[in-house]
Structure formats: C-alpha cells, structure tokens
C-alpha cells in the first residue's frame, strides 16, 4: 500500500509540473514572456490539478493578461 501512495504522489507531482509547464509556455507564446513571469508565483502555489487544467484552457483563450488574471482570480488566487 505504501508503494501505491508513493506512485500516486509522484504521478500527481509530474502532472502538476507538466500543467505548469504548458501554462507558462502558452502564456509566453500568446501574451509575451514577461506575462508568464507575472503569474509564476501564484500558479506554482496551486496544488489542485483540475484548477491548473482550467487555467491552461484560460491561457489558451486569453487575448490579454487581464483575461487570464480574471480567471486566475475567479479560481481562488
């Protein structure tokens, strides 16, 4: 059972790291590198993978940093 907990933890950690990587990449491509850095600290504090998935979709759809910031704030940051 302990091994399953370790595997689950590592899987969740990898999924979070990937989600953050993709969010930063999308923000960098769509809204400029400094925009991605602007949200970095807030995003790194999010542990809920479902929230990160919502924010990834928001990053893809955002036309301005304010668009993304609104979704980030609506989701608890």
PDB file of N, CA and C in Angstrom:
ATOM      1  N   UNK A   1       0.812  -1.190   0.000  1.00  0.00           N
ATOM      2  CA  UNK A   1       0.000   0.000   0.000  1.00  0.00           C
ATOM      3  C   UNK A   1       0.861   1.262   0.000  1.00  0.00           C
ATOM      4  N   UNK A   2       1.930   1.246   0.750  1.00  0.00           N
ATOM      5  CA  UNK A   2       2.834   2.392   0.820  1.00  0.00           C
ATOM      6  C   UNK A   2       3.402   2.705  -0.560  1.00  0.00           C
ATOM      7  N   UNK A   3       3.721   1.683  -1.321  1.00  0.00           N
ATOM      8  CA  UNK A   3       4.262   1.888  -2.669  1.00  0.00           C
ATOM      9  C   UNK A   3       3.255   2.601  -3.561  1.00  0.00           C
ATOM     10  N   UNK A   4       1.975   2.246  -3.415  1.00  0.00           N
ATOM     11  CA  UNK A   4       0.932   2.897  -4.210  1.00  0.00           C
ATOM     12  C   UNK A   4       0.816   4.376  -3.864  1.00  0.00           C
ATOM     13  N   UNK A   5       0.981   4.718  -2.601  1.00  0.00           N
ATOM     14  CA  UNK A   5       0.944   6.120  -2.201  1.00  0.00           C
ATOM     15  C   UNK A   5       2.102   6.897  -2.822  1.00  0.00           C
ATOM     16  N   UNK A   6       3.262   6.278  -2.848  1.00  0.00           N
ATOM     17  CA  UNK A   6       4.432   6.920  -3.452  1.00  0.00           C
ATOM     18  C   UNK A   6       4.209   7.121  -4.944  1.00  0.00           C
ATOM     19  N   UNK A   7       3.715   6.099  -5.606  1.00  0.00           N
ATOM     20  CA  UNK A   7       3.448   6.197  -7.048  1.00  0.00           C
ATOM     21  C   UNK A   7       2.400   7.261  -7.325  1.00  0.00           C
ATOM     22  N   UNK A   8       1.341   7.292  -6.534  1.00  0.00           N
ATOM     23  CA  UNK A   8       0.288   8.294  -6.713  1.00  0.00           C
ATOM     24  C   UNK A   8       0.855   9.703  -6.523  1.00  0.00           C
ATOM     25  N   UNK A   9       1.673   9.880  -5.501  1.00  0.00           N
ATOM     26  CA  UNK A   9       2.277  11.182  -5.237  1.00  0.00           C
ATOM     27  C   UNK A   9       3.172  11.624  -6.401  1.00  0.00           C
ATOM     28  N   UNK A  10       4.003  10.719  -6.880  1.00  0.00           N
ATOM     29  CA  UNK A  10       4.902  11.059  -7.988  1.00  0.00           C
ATOM     30  C   UNK A  10       4.127  11.356  -9.264  1.00  0.00           C
ATOM     31  N   UNK A  11       3.065  10.617  -9.497  1.00  0.00           N
ATOM     32  CA  UNK A  11       2.239  10.845 -10.678  1.00  0.00           C
ATOM     33  C   UNK A  11       1.561  12.205 -10.609  1.00  0.00           C
ATOM     34  N   UNK A  12       1.005  12.534  -9.440  1.00  0.00           N
ATOM     35  CA  UNK A  12       0.360  13.835  -9.268  1.00  0.00           C
ATOM     36  C   UNK A  12       1.367  14.970  -9.396  1.00  0.00           C
ATOM     37  N   UNK A  13       2.546  14.779  -8.832  1.00  0.00           N
ATOM     38  CA  UNK A  13       3.592  15.809  -8.924  1.00  0.00           C
ATOM     39  C   UNK A  13       3.999  16.038 -10.378  1.00  0.00           C
ATOM     40  N   UNK A  14       4.175  14.958 -11.134  1.00  0.00           N
ATOM     41  CA  UNK A  14       4.550  15.079 -12.548  1.00  0.00           C
ATOM     42  C   UNK A  14       3.440  15.751 -13.346  1.00  0.00           C
ATOM     43  N   UNK A  15       2.192  15.411 -13.055  1.00  0.00           N
ATOM     44  CA  UNK A  15       1.069  16.021 -13.766  1.00  0.00           C
ATOM     45  C   UNK A  15       1.013  17.521 -13.481  1.00  0.00           C
ATOM     46  N   UNK A  16       1.246  17.908 -12.234  1.00  0.00           N
ATOM     47  CA  UNK A  16       1.250  19.327 -11.876  1.00  0.00           C
ATOM     48  C   UNK A  16       2.381  20.055 -12.590  1.00  0.00           C
ATOM     49  N   UNK A  17       3.570  19.465 -12.579  1.00  0.00           N
ATOM     50  CA  UNK A  17       4.710  20.094 -13.249  1.00  0.00           C
ATOM     51  C   UNK A  17       4.443  20.265 -14.739  1.00  0.00           C
ATOM     52  N   UNK A  18       3.827  19.266 -15.362  1.00  0.00           N
ATOM     53  CA  UNK A  18       3.501  19.367 -16.786  1.00  0.00           C
ATOM     54  C   UNK A  18       2.460  20.450 -17.035  1.00  0.00           C
ATOM     55  N   UNK A  19       1.442  20.502 -16.194  1.00  0.00           N
ATOM     56  CA  UNK A  19       0.408  21.528 -16.355  1.00  0.00           C
ATOM     57  C   UNK A  19       1.022  22.920 -16.245  1.00  0.00           C
ATOM     58  N   UNK A  20       1.873  23.124 -15.250  1.00  0.00           N
ATOM     59  CA  UNK A  20       2.538  24.425 -15.095  1.00  0.00           C
ATOM     60  C   UNK A  20       3.397  24.744 -16.310  1.00  0.00           C
ATOM     61  N   UNK A  21       4.127  23.757 -16.785  1.00  0.00           N
ATOM     62  CA  UNK A  21       4.986  23.951 -17.958  1.00  0.00           C
ATOM     63  C   UNK A  21       4.147  24.401 -19.154  1.00  0.00           C
ATOM     64  N   UNK A  22       3.020  23.742 -19.376  1.00  0.00           N
ATOM     65  CA  UNK A  22       2.185  24.090 -20.520  1.00  0.00           C
ATOM     66  C   UNK A  22       1.536  25.462 -20.349  1.00  0.00           C
ATOM     67  N   UNK A  23       1.108  25.795 -19.138  1.00  0.00           N
ATOM     68  CA  UNK A  23       0.528  27.113 -18.903  1.00  0.00           C
ATOM     69  C   UNK A  23       1.564  28.196 -19.187  1.00  0.00           C
ATOM     70  N   UNK A  24       2.775  28.034 -18.666  1.00  0.00           N
ATOM     71  CA  UNK A  24       3.827  29.025 -18.900  1.00  0.00           C
ATOM     72  C   UNK A  24       4.159  29.133 -20.390  1.00  0.00           C
ATOM     73  N   UNK A  25       4.206  28.008 -21.064  1.00  0.00           N
ATOM     74  CA  UNK A  25       4.521  28.024 -22.492  1.00  0.00           C
ATOM     75  C   UNK A  25       3.444  28.762 -23.279  1.00  0.00           C
ATOM     76  N   UNK A  26       2.188  28.485 -22.987  1.00  0.00           N
ATOM     77  CA  UNK A  26       1.097  29.156 -23.691  1.00  0.00           C
ATOM     78  C   UNK A  26       1.100  30.653 -23.393  1.00  0.00           C
ATOM     79  N   UNK A  27       1.257  31.010 -22.127  1.00  0.00           N
ATOM     80  CA  UNK A  27       1.292  32.434 -21.787  1.00  0.00           C
ATOM     81  C   UNK A  27       2.457  33.140 -22.478  1.00  0.00           C
ATOM     82  N   UNK A  28       3.596  32.469 -22.545  1.00  0.00           N
ATOM     83  CA  UNK A  28       4.766  33.053 -23.208  1.00  0.00           C
ATOM     84  C   UNK A  28       4.504  33.260 -24.698  1.00  0.00           C
ATOM     85  N   UNK A  29       3.903  32.278 -25.334  1.00  0.00           N
ATOM     86  CA  UNK A  29       3.661  32.375 -26.775  1.00  0.00           C
ATOM     87  C   UNK A  29       2.548  33.360 -27.114  1.00  0.00           C
ATOM     88  N   UNK A  30       1.506  33.358 -26.320  1.00  0.00           N
ATOM     89  CA  UNK A  30       0.345  34.198 -26.641  1.00  0.00           C
ATOM     90  C   UNK A  30       0.445  35.617 -26.096  1.00  0.00           C
ATOM     91  N   UNK A  31       1.070  35.766 -24.916  1.00  0.00           N
ATOM     92  CA  UNK A  31       0.993  37.059 -24.239  1.00  0.00           C
ATOM     93  C   UNK A  31       2.334  37.653 -23.846  1.00  0.00           C
ATOM     94  N   UNK A  32       3.435  37.085 -24.290  1.00  0.00           N
ATOM     95  CA  UNK A  32       4.785  37.570 -24.013  1.00  0.00           C
ATOM     96  C   UNK A  32       5.396  36.921 -22.762  1.00  0.00           C
ATOM     97  N   UNK A  33       6.712  36.760 -22.774  1.00  0.00           N
ATOM     98  CA  UNK A  33       7.402  36.103 -21.648  1.00  0.00           C
ATOM     99  C   UNK A  33       7.210  36.793 -20.307  1.00  0.00           C
ATOM    100  N   UNK A  34       7.188  38.113 -20.286  1.00  0.00           N
ATOM    101  CA  UNK A  34       7.031  38.796 -19.001  1.00  0.00           C
ATOM    102  C   UNK A  34       5.666  38.532 -18.381  1.00  0.00           C
ATOM    103  N   UNK A  35       4.677  38.242 -19.206  1.00  0.00           N
ATOM    104  CA  UNK A  35       3.353  37.902 -18.685  1.00  0.00           C
ATOM    105  C   UNK A  35       3.394  36.580 -17.942  1.00  0.00           C
ATOM    106  N   UNK A  36       4.079  35.607 -18.495  1.00  0.00           N
ATOM    107  CA  UNK A  36       4.201  34.310 -17.830  1.00  0.00           C
ATOM    108  C   UNK A  36       4.875  34.482 -16.473  1.00  0.00           C
ATOM    109  N   UNK A  37       5.898  35.286 -16.412  1.00  0.00           N
ATOM    110  CA  UNK A  37       6.602  35.520 -15.150  1.00  0.00           C
ATOM    111  C   UNK A  37       5.721  36.243 -14.132  1.00  0.00           C
ATOM    112  N   UNK A  38       4.855  37.082 -14.628  1.00  0.00           N
ATOM    113  CA  UNK A  38       3.946  37.837 -13.757  1.00  0.00           C
ATOM    114  C   UNK A  38       3.046  36.912 -12.937  1.00  0.00           C
ATOM    115  N   UNK A  39       2.692  35.761 -13.507  1.00  0.00           N
ATOM    116  CA  UNK A  39       1.775  34.839 -12.847  1.00  0.00           C
ATOM    117  C   UNK A  39       2.472  33.629 -12.231  1.00  0.00           C
ATOM    118  N   UNK A  40       3.769  33.544 -12.384  1.00  0.00           N
ATOM    119  CA  UNK A  40       4.511  32.348 -11.982  1.00  0.00           C
ATOM    120  C   UNK A  40       4.317  31.973 -10.515  1.00  0.00           C
ATOM    121  N   UNK A  41       4.494  32.901  -9.612  1.00  0.00           N
ATOM    122  CA  UNK A  41       4.395  32.594  -8.187  1.00  0.00           C
ATOM    123  C   UNK A  41       3.001  32.094  -7.811  1.00  0.00           C
ATOM    124  N   UNK A  42       1.984  32.775  -8.293  1.00  0.00           N
ATOM    125  CA  UNK A  42       0.612  32.368  -7.984  1.00  0.00           C
ATOM    126  C   UNK A  42       0.306  30.978  -8.528  1.00  0.00           C
ATOM    127  N   UNK A  43       0.754  30.705  -9.736  1.00  0.00           N
ATOM    128  CA  UNK A  43       0.490  29.402 -10.342  1.00  0.00           C
ATOM    129  C   UNK A  43       1.218  28.280  -9.626  1.00  0.00           C
ATOM    130  N   UNK A  44       2.434  28.517  -9.217  1.00  0.00           N
ATOM    131  CA  UNK A  44       3.220  27.474  -8.554  1.00  0.00           C
ATOM    132  C   UNK A  44       2.644  27.093  -7.192  1.00  0.00           C
ATOM    133  N   UNK A  45       1.806  27.916  -6.624  1.00  0.00           N
ATOM    134  CA  UNK A  45       1.208  27.628  -5.327  1.00  0.00           C
ATOM    135  C   UNK A  45      -0.058  26.791  -5.438  1.00  0.00           C
ATOM    136  N   UNK A  46      -0.522  26.546  -6.641  1.00  0.00           N
ATOM    137  CA  UNK A  46      -1.754  25.778  -6.847  1.00  0.00           C
ATOM    138  C   UNK A  46      -1.420  24.295  -6.881  1.00  0.00           C
ATOM    139  N   UNK A  47      -2.080  23.534  -6.021  1.00  0.00           N
ATOM    140  CA  UNK A  47      -1.855  22.095  -5.963  1.00  0.00           C
ATOM    141  C   UNK A  47      -2.959  21.291  -6.644  1.00  0.00           C
ATOM    142  N   UNK A  48      -4.066  21.920  -6.911  1.00  0.00           N
ATOM    143  CA  UNK A  48      -5.224  21.232  -7.488  1.00  0.00           C
ATOM    144  C   UNK A  48      -5.058  21.111  -9.006  1.00  0.00           C
ATOM    145  N   UNK A  49      -4.896  19.897  -9.470  1.00  0.00           N
ATOM    146  CA  UNK A  49      -4.667  19.657 -10.897  1.00  0.00           C
ATOM    147  C   UNK A  49      -5.852  20.113 -11.742  1.00  0.00           C
ATOM    148  N   UNK A  50      -7.060  19.947 -11.249  1.00  0.00           N
ATOM    149  CA  UNK A  50      -8.239  20.387 -12.003  1.00  0.00           C
ATOM    150  C   UNK A  50      -8.228  21.903 -12.202  1.00  0.00           C
ATOM    151  N   UNK A  51      -7.825  22.639 -11.175  1.00  0.00           N
ATOM    152  CA  UNK A  51      -7.704  24.100 -11.315  1.00  0.00           C
ATOM    153  C   UNK A  51      -6.659  24.467 -12.344  1.00  0.00           C
ATOM    154  N   UNK A  52      -5.543  23.744 -12.334  1.00  0.00           N
ATOM    155  CA  UNK A  52      -4.495  24.017 -13.322  1.00  0.00           C
ATOM    156  C   UNK A  52      -4.992  23.732 -14.731  1.00  0.00           C
ATOM    157  N   UNK A  53      -5.812  22.713 -14.894  1.00  0.00           N
ATOM    158  CA  UNK A  53      -6.366  22.414 -16.219  1.00  0.00           C
ATOM    159  C   UNK A  53      -7.301  23.529 -16.684  1.00  0.00           C
ATOM    160  N   UNK A  54      -8.092  24.081 -15.763  1.00  0.00           N
ATOM    161  CA  UNK A  54      -8.947  25.226 -16.091  1.00  0.00           C
ATOM    162  C   UNK A  54      -8.089  26.409 -16.507  1.00  0.00           C
ATOM    163  N   UNK A  55      -7.009  26.615 -15.782  1.00  0.00           N
ATOM    164  CA  UNK A  55      -6.124  27.740 -16.091  1.00  0.00           C
ATOM    165  C   UNK A  55      -5.361  27.537 -17.396  1.00  0.00           C
ATOM    166  N   UNK A  56      -5.065  26.306 -17.745  1.00  0.00           N
ATOM    167  CA  UNK A  56      -4.440  26.049 -19.049  1.00  0.00           C
ATOM    168  C   UNK A  56      -5.396  26.448 -20.167  1.00  0.00           C
ATOM    169  N   UNK A  57      -6.654  26.060 -20.046  1.00  0.00           N
ATOM    170  CA  UNK A  57      -7.641  26.460 -21.051  1.00  0.00           C
ATOM    171  C   UNK A  57      -7.778  27.985 -21.097  1.00  0.00           C
ATOM    172  N   UNK A  58      -7.744  28.616 -19.926  1.00  0.00           N
ATOM    173  CA  UNK A  58      -7.842  30.074 -19.874  1.00  0.00           C
ATOM    174  C   UNK A  58      -6.644  30.724 -20.561  1.00  0.00           C
ATOM    175  N   UNK A  59      -5.462  30.143 -20.384  1.00  0.00           N
ATOM    176  CA  UNK A  59      -4.261  30.691 -21.029  1.00  0.00           C
ATOM    177  C   UNK A  59      -4.382  30.595 -22.549  1.00  0.00           C
ATOM    178  N   UNK A  60      -4.926  29.505 -23.031  1.00  0.00           N
ATOM    179  CA  UNK A  60      -5.097  29.322 -24.476  1.00  0.00           C
ATOM    180  C   UNK A  60      -6.083  30.355 -25.026  1.00  0.00           C
ATOM    181  N   UNK A  61      -7.120  30.645 -24.275  1.00  0.00           N
ATOM    182  CA  UNK A  61      -8.175  31.534 -24.763  1.00  0.00           C
ATOM    183  C   UNK A  61      -7.919  33.014 -24.483  1.00  0.00           C
ATOM    184  N   UNK A  62      -6.996  33.329 -23.590  1.00  0.00           N
ATOM    185  CA  UNK A  62      -6.758  34.722 -23.192  1.00  0.00           C
ATOM    186  C   UNK A  62      -6.188  35.550 -24.338  1.00  0.00           C
ATOM    187  N   UNK A  63      -6.761  36.716 -24.517  1.00  0.00           N
ATOM    188  CA  UNK A  63      -6.238  37.664 -25.501  1.00  0.00           C
ATOM    189  C   UNK A  63      -5.360  38.723 -24.853  1.00  0.00           C
ATOM    190  N   UNK A  64      -5.526  38.887 -23.539  1.00  0.00           N
ATOM    191  CA  UNK A  64      -4.741  39.865 -22.792  1.00  0.00           C
ATOM    192  C   UNK A  64      -4.355  39.247 -21.443  1.00  0.00           C
ATOM    193  N   UNK A  65      -3.339  39.787 -20.790  1.00  0.00           N
ATOM    194  CA  UNK A  65      -3.009  39.304 -19.449  1.00  0.00           C
ATOM    195  C   UNK A  65      -4.185  39.449 -18.485  1.00  0.00           C
ATOM    196  N   UNK A  66      -4.986  40.468 -18.677  1.00  0.00           N
ATOM    197  CA  UNK A  66      -6.134  40.696 -17.813  1.00  0.00           C
ATOM    198  C   UNK A  66      -7.171  39.582 -17.961  1.00  0.00           C
ATOM    199  N   UNK A  67      -7.327  39.054 -19.175  1.00  0.00           N
ATOM    200  CA  UNK A  67      -8.241  37.923 -19.390  1.00  0.00           C
ATOM    201  C   UNK A  67      -7.817  36.732 -18.533  1.00  0.00           C
ATOM    202  N   UNK A  68      -6.544  36.424 -18.555  1.00  0.00           N
ATOM    203  CA  UNK A  68      -6.038  35.294 -17.775  1.00  0.00           C
ATOM    204  C   UNK A  68      -6.128  35.595 -16.279  1.00  0.00           C
ATOM    205  N   UNK A  69      -5.775  36.805 -15.905  1.00  0.00           N
ATOM    206  CA  UNK A  69      -5.799  37.188 -14.492  1.00  0.00           C
ATOM    207  C   UNK A  69      -7.209  37.063 -13.912  1.00  0.00           C
ATOM    208  N   UNK A  70      -8.210  37.407 -14.695  1.00  0.00           N
ATOM    209  CA  UNK A  70      -9.594  37.307 -14.223  1.00  0.00           C
ATOM    210  C   UNK A  70      -9.940  35.859 -13.886  1.00  0.00           C
ATOM    211  N   UNK A  71      -9.569  34.930 -14.744  1.00  0.00           N
ATOM    212  CA  UNK A  71      -9.852  33.517 -14.477  1.00  0.00           C
ATOM    213  C   UNK A  71      -9.046  33.036 -13.282  1.00  0.00           C
ATOM    214  N   UNK A  72      -7.802  33.459 -13.193  1.00  0.00           N
ATOM    215  CA  UNK A  72      -6.963  33.088 -12.059  1.00  0.00           C
ATOM    216  C   UNK A  72      -7.598  33.555 -10.746  1.00  0.00           C
ATOM    217  N   UNK A  73      -8.092  34.778 -10.716  1.00  0.00           N
ATOM    218  CA  UNK A  73      -8.720  35.321  -9.518  1.00  0.00           C
ATOM    219  C   UNK A  73     -10.046  34.634  -9.217  1.00  0.00           C
ATOM    220  N   UNK A  74     -10.810  34.300 -10.255  1.00  0.00           N
ATOM    221  CA  UNK A  74     -12.089  33.609 -10.076  1.00  0.00           C
ATOM    222  C   UNK A  74     -11.876  32.224  -9.484  1.00  0.00           C
ATOM    223  N   UNK A  75     -10.717  31.677  -9.707  1.00  0.00           N
ATOM    224  CA  UNK A  75     -10.412  30.335  -9.232  1.00  0.00           C
ATOM    225  C   UNK A  75      -9.607  30.343  -7.941  1.00  0.00           C
ATOM    226  N   UNK A  76      -9.673  31.427  -7.217  1.00  0.00           N
ATOM    227  CA  UNK A  76      -9.095  31.439  -5.884  1.00  0.00           C
ATOM    228  C   UNK A  76      -7.720  32.013  -5.694  1.00  0.00           C
ATOM    229  N   UNK A  77      -7.154  32.686  -6.678  1.00  0.00           N
ATOM    230  CA  UNK A  77      -5.829  33.307  -6.495  1.00  0.00           C
ATOM    231  C   UNK A  77      -5.943  34.775  -6.757  1.00  0.00           C
TER     232      UNK A  77
END
